[in-house]
């Protein structure tokens, strides 16, 4: 159980740019795991991409703009293709990420996307319809356009 908690906390660590969102992000992932829904966590794909020979030299350890081909990369760390947790941690989680996994926010969220505010926060949603509206809001923002 501890190893699984550390693995999940490592994903929360890489996903949460805003420290206050760690319990919300942990809750989303725990809710998805409980429903046997793929985590679809970009940081796990970034980790998988970094393990391909030559990619660290090309993109660094964390490729910023993942492409569709990256999301299809055959790796046990790709949580778009594989349900459940990856085989091990993808980073060293801090104590706050571990605490978030042990004590997640009491919410029913299943989705999140970067906020159009470009401030490292996220928009959270309980339903796919809400999530799609949040994604549209992000995609229409200056943040999505790289500004």
Protein backbone atom coordinates (compact mmCIF):
# COMPACT_ATOMS: atom_id res chain seq x y z
CA UNK A 1 0.00 0.00 0.00
CA UNK A 2 2.81 2.43 0.87
CA UNK A 3 4.54 1.86 -2.48
CA UNK A 4 1.27 2.53 -4.35
CA UNK A 5 0.74 5.70 -2.29
CA UNK A 6 4.23 6.94 -3.12
CA UNK A 7 3.67 6.16 -6.80
CA UNK A 8 0.41 8.11 -6.82
CA UNK A 9 1.99 10.94 -4.82
CA UNK A 10 4.75 11.18 -7.44
CA UNK A 11 2.11 11.79 -10.12
CA UNK A 12 0.38 14.39 -7.94
CA UNK A 13 3.77 16.05 -7.38
CA UNK A 14 4.41 16.43 -11.11
CA UNK A 15 0.81 17.48 -11.89
CA UNK A 16 0.28 20.12 -9.20
CA UNK A 17 1.87 23.45 -10.07
CA UNK A 18 -0.33 25.05 -7.42
CA UNK A 19 0.32 23.52 -3.99
CA UNK A 20 -3.24 24.12 -2.79
CA UNK A 21 -4.62 21.86 -5.53
CA UNK A 22 -2.75 18.74 -4.47
CA UNK A 23 -5.70 17.28 -2.48
CA UNK A 24 -8.05 17.96 -5.42
CA UNK A 25 -5.71 16.36 -7.94
CA UNK A 26 -5.18 13.38 -5.63
CA UNK A 27 -8.97 13.04 -5.30
CA UNK A 28 -9.42 13.01 -9.09
CA UNK A 29 -6.85 10.23 -9.49
CA UNK A 30 -8.24 8.21 -6.57
CA UNK A 31 -11.78 8.58 -7.97
CA UNK A 32 -10.57 7.41 -11.38
CA UNK A 33 -8.73 4.44 -9.87
CA UNK A 34 -11.83 3.51 -7.87
CA UNK A 35 -13.90 3.52 -11.08
CA UNK A 36 -11.20 1.62 -13.02
CA UNK A 37 -10.90 4.59 -15.38
CA UNK A 38 -7.47 5.29 -16.89
CA UNK A 39 -5.64 8.05 -15.03
CA UNK A 40 -4.65 9.76 -18.29
CA UNK A 41 -1.98 11.73 -16.43
CA UNK A 42 0.32 13.67 -18.74
CA UNK A 43 3.30 13.49 -16.34
CA UNK A 44 3.33 9.69 -16.64
CA UNK A 45 3.55 10.04 -20.42
CA UNK A 46 6.28 12.66 -20.04
CA UNK A 47 8.18 10.16 -17.91
CA UNK A 48 7.67 7.40 -20.50
CA UNK A 49 8.83 9.71 -23.30
CA UNK A 50 11.99 10.56 -21.32
CA UNK A 51 12.90 6.87 -21.17
CA UNK A 52 13.10 6.57 -24.98
CA UNK A 53 16.78 6.76 -26.02
CA UNK A 54 17.68 10.23 -27.32
CA UNK A 55 14.54 11.96 -26.08
CA UNK A 56 16.13 13.58 -23.02
CA UNK A 57 18.64 15.25 -25.34
CA UNK A 58 15.80 16.39 -27.64
CA UNK A 59 13.13 17.44 -25.14
CA UNK A 60 14.67 17.40 -21.66
CA UNK A 61 13.26 15.19 -18.93
CA UNK A 62 9.74 16.62 -19.25
CA UNK A 63 8.52 17.25 -22.79
CA UNK A 64 6.27 20.31 -22.61
CA UNK A 65 3.95 19.76 -25.55
CA UNK A 66 2.87 16.15 -25.78
CA UNK A 67 1.71 14.96 -29.19
CA UNK A 68 -0.86 12.29 -30.06
CA UNK A 69 2.01 9.88 -30.83
CA UNK A 70 3.33 10.40 -27.28
CA UNK A 71 -0.07 9.44 -25.85
CA UNK A 72 0.15 6.17 -27.83
CA UNK A 73 3.70 5.33 -26.67
CA UNK A 74 3.84 1.69 -25.61
CA UNK A 75 5.11 1.91 -22.05
CA UNK A 76 3.89 0.58 -18.70
CA UNK A 77 4.14 4.21 -17.51
CA UNK A 78 1.64 5.45 -20.10
CA UNK A 79 -1.56 5.91 -18.11
CA UNK A 80 -3.47 6.78 -21.27
CA UNK A 81 -3.01 3.19 -22.46
CA UNK A 82 -2.80 1.34 -19.14
CA UNK A 83 -5.33 1.33 -16.33
CA UNK A 84 -4.18 1.66 -12.76
CA UNK A 85 -0.92 3.02 -11.49
CA UNK A 86 2.37 2.76 -13.37
CA UNK A 87 4.89 0.21 -12.05
CA UNK A 88 6.66 2.76 -9.87
CA UNK A 89 7.09 6.44 -9.03
CA UNK A 90 7.81 8.95 -11.80
CA UNK A 91 9.43 11.51 -9.48
CA UNK A 92 10.27 12.08 -5.83
CA UNK A 93 7.08 13.27 -4.15
CA UNK A 94 7.21 15.87 -1.45
CA UNK A 95 5.50 15.40 1.89
CA UNK A 96 2.56 17.59 0.78
CA UNK A 97 1.82 15.30 -2.17
CA UNK A 98 2.00 12.25 0.08
CA UNK A 99 -0.36 13.92 2.55
CA UNK A 100 -2.75 14.75 -0.32
CA UNK A 101 -2.90 11.10 -1.36
CA UNK A 102 -3.50 9.97 2.22
CA UNK A 103 -6.10 12.70 2.79
CA UNK A 104 -7.61 13.71 -0.60
CA UNK A 105 -10.27 16.39 -0.93
CA UNK A 106 -13.81 15.06 -0.41
CA UNK A 107 -14.97 15.75 -3.97
CA UNK A 108 -16.47 13.71 -6.81
CA UNK A 109 -14.28 15.23 -9.53
CA UNK A 110 -13.08 12.93 -12.31
CA UNK A 111 -11.43 15.47 -14.62
CA UNK A 112 -9.24 18.53 -14.66
CA UNK A 113 -7.62 20.75 -17.26
CA UNK A 114 -5.26 23.70 -17.04
CA UNK A 115 -6.96 26.96 -16.18
CA UNK A 116 -7.23 29.64 -18.88
CA UNK A 117 -5.71 32.01 -16.31
CA UNK A 118 -2.24 30.60 -17.18
CA UNK A 119 -1.37 30.58 -13.48
CA UNK A 120 -0.72 26.87 -12.93
CA UNK A 121 -4.19 26.21 -11.54
CA UNK A 122 -6.79 23.86 -12.97
CA UNK A 123 -10.50 23.70 -13.72
CA UNK A 124 -12.11 20.62 -12.13
CA UNK A 125 -15.22 18.73 -13.22
CA UNK A 126 -17.35 15.83 -12.07
CA UNK A 127 -18.87 15.06 -15.49
CA UNK A 128 -17.49 14.72 -18.98
CA UNK A 129 -19.85 17.49 -20.18
CA UNK A 130 -18.46 19.88 -17.56
CA UNK A 131 -14.92 18.83 -18.46
CA UNK A 132 -15.52 19.40 -22.18
CA UNK A 133 -16.82 22.90 -21.37
CA UNK A 134 -13.68 23.55 -19.31
CA UNK A 135 -11.47 22.28 -22.14
CA UNK A 136 -13.26 24.59 -24.59
CA UNK A 137 -12.73 27.49 -22.19
CA UNK A 138 -9.02 26.65 -21.94
CA UNK A 139 -8.65 26.18 -25.71
CA UNK A 140 -10.19 29.63 -26.33
CA UNK A 141 -7.77 31.27 -23.89
CA UNK A 142 -4.56 33.12 -24.55
CA UNK A 143 -2.86 30.51 -22.38
CA UNK A 144 -3.68 27.77 -24.92
CA UNK A 145 -2.31 29.96 -27.69
CA UNK A 146 1.00 30.25 -25.88
CA UNK A 147 0.58 33.90 -24.85
